[in-house]
Protein backbone atom coordinates (compact mmCIF):
# COMPACT_ATOMS: atom_id res chain seq x y z
CA MET A 1 -27.31 98.12 -167.66
CA ILE A 2 -27.15 97.32 -163.96
CA ALA A 3 -30.88 96.60 -163.85
CA SER A 4 -30.68 94.16 -166.80
CA ASN A 5 -27.70 92.40 -165.19
CA LEU A 6 -29.61 92.09 -161.94
CA HIS A 7 -32.68 90.84 -163.78
CA LEU A 8 -30.65 88.08 -165.51
CA ARG A 9 -29.11 87.01 -162.22
CA VAL A 10 -32.53 86.74 -160.58
CA HIS A 11 -33.80 84.51 -163.42
CA TRP A 12 -30.64 82.40 -163.32
CA ALA A 13 -31.02 81.90 -159.56
CA ARG A 14 -34.67 80.91 -160.00
CA ASP A 15 -33.77 78.43 -162.75
CA ARG A 16 -31.06 76.96 -160.56
CA ASP A 17 -33.56 76.52 -157.73
CA ARG A 18 -36.01 74.69 -160.01
CA GLN A 19 -33.51 72.15 -161.32
CA PRO A 20 -33.26 69.98 -158.18
CA GLN A 21 -37.05 69.58 -158.16
CA GLU A 22 -37.14 68.36 -161.78
CA PHE A 23 -34.06 66.14 -161.46
CA PRO A 24 -35.59 63.67 -158.96
CA ARG A 25 -38.67 63.35 -161.18
CA LEU A 26 -36.47 62.38 -164.10
CA MET A 27 -34.57 59.92 -161.93
CA LEU A 28 -37.84 58.47 -160.65
CA VAL A 29 -39.12 58.01 -164.20
CA LEU A 30 -35.87 56.33 -165.24
CA VAL A 31 -35.93 54.01 -162.22
CA VAL A 32 -39.55 53.03 -162.92
CA VAL A 33 -38.82 52.38 -166.61
CA LEU A 34 -35.75 50.29 -165.77
CA ALA A 35 -37.73 48.32 -163.20
CA LEU A 36 -40.45 47.57 -165.75
CA VAL A 37 -37.87 46.48 -168.30
CA ASN A 38 -36.22 44.27 -165.70
CA VAL A 39 -39.52 42.65 -164.69
CA SER A 40 -40.57 42.03 -168.28
CA ALA A 41 -37.17 40.52 -169.10
CA THR A 42 -37.46 38.24 -166.06
CA VAL A 43 -40.93 37.11 -167.12
CA LEU A 44 -39.73 36.42 -170.67
CA MET A 45 -36.71 34.51 -169.37
CA ALA A 46 -38.90 32.44 -167.03
CA GLY A 47 -41.18 31.61 -169.96
CA SER A 48 -38.21 30.58 -172.08
CA TRP A 49 -36.83 28.49 -169.20
CA ALA A 50 -40.19 26.73 -168.74
CA SER A 51 -40.43 26.02 -172.45
CA LEU A 52 -36.85 24.72 -172.52
CA THR A 53 -37.53 22.50 -169.51
CA ASP A 54 -40.66 21.08 -171.15
CA GLY A 55 -38.72 20.40 -174.32
CA MET A 56 -35.97 18.60 -172.43
CA LEU A 57 -38.52 16.47 -170.57
CA ASP A 58 -40.21 15.53 -173.86
CA LEU A 59 -36.84 14.64 -175.35
CA GLU A 60 -35.97 12.50 -172.34
CA ARG A 61 -39.33 10.68 -172.55
CA SER A 62 -38.90 10.00 -176.24
CA ILE A 63 -35.38 8.65 -175.70
CA GLN A 64 -36.62 6.37 -172.91
CA ASP A 65 -39.52 5.20 -175.07
CA ARG A 66 -37.15 4.34 -177.93
CA LEU A 67 -34.80 2.50 -175.56
CA THR A 68 -37.63 0.40 -174.18
CA GLU A 69 -38.86 -0.34 -177.72
CA THR A 70 -35.41 -1.54 -178.82
CA VAL A 71 -34.95 -3.66 -175.67
CA ASN A 72 -38.35 -5.35 -176.10
């Protein structure tokens, strides 16, 4: 009985010592995944912004072209 209790405590202490080593790995993986998601979202947003800007410039050109056509 005493030996089995001691044996369980030794395993529990070993498991407790291993946890801090695994925890930073998990945090590192989460930080890397979040960074990749953030970068990909930024790239997608920049692409959308560029496309929106191009569309606005085309719209402005077409409005100016129509104004010059109506004036002439």
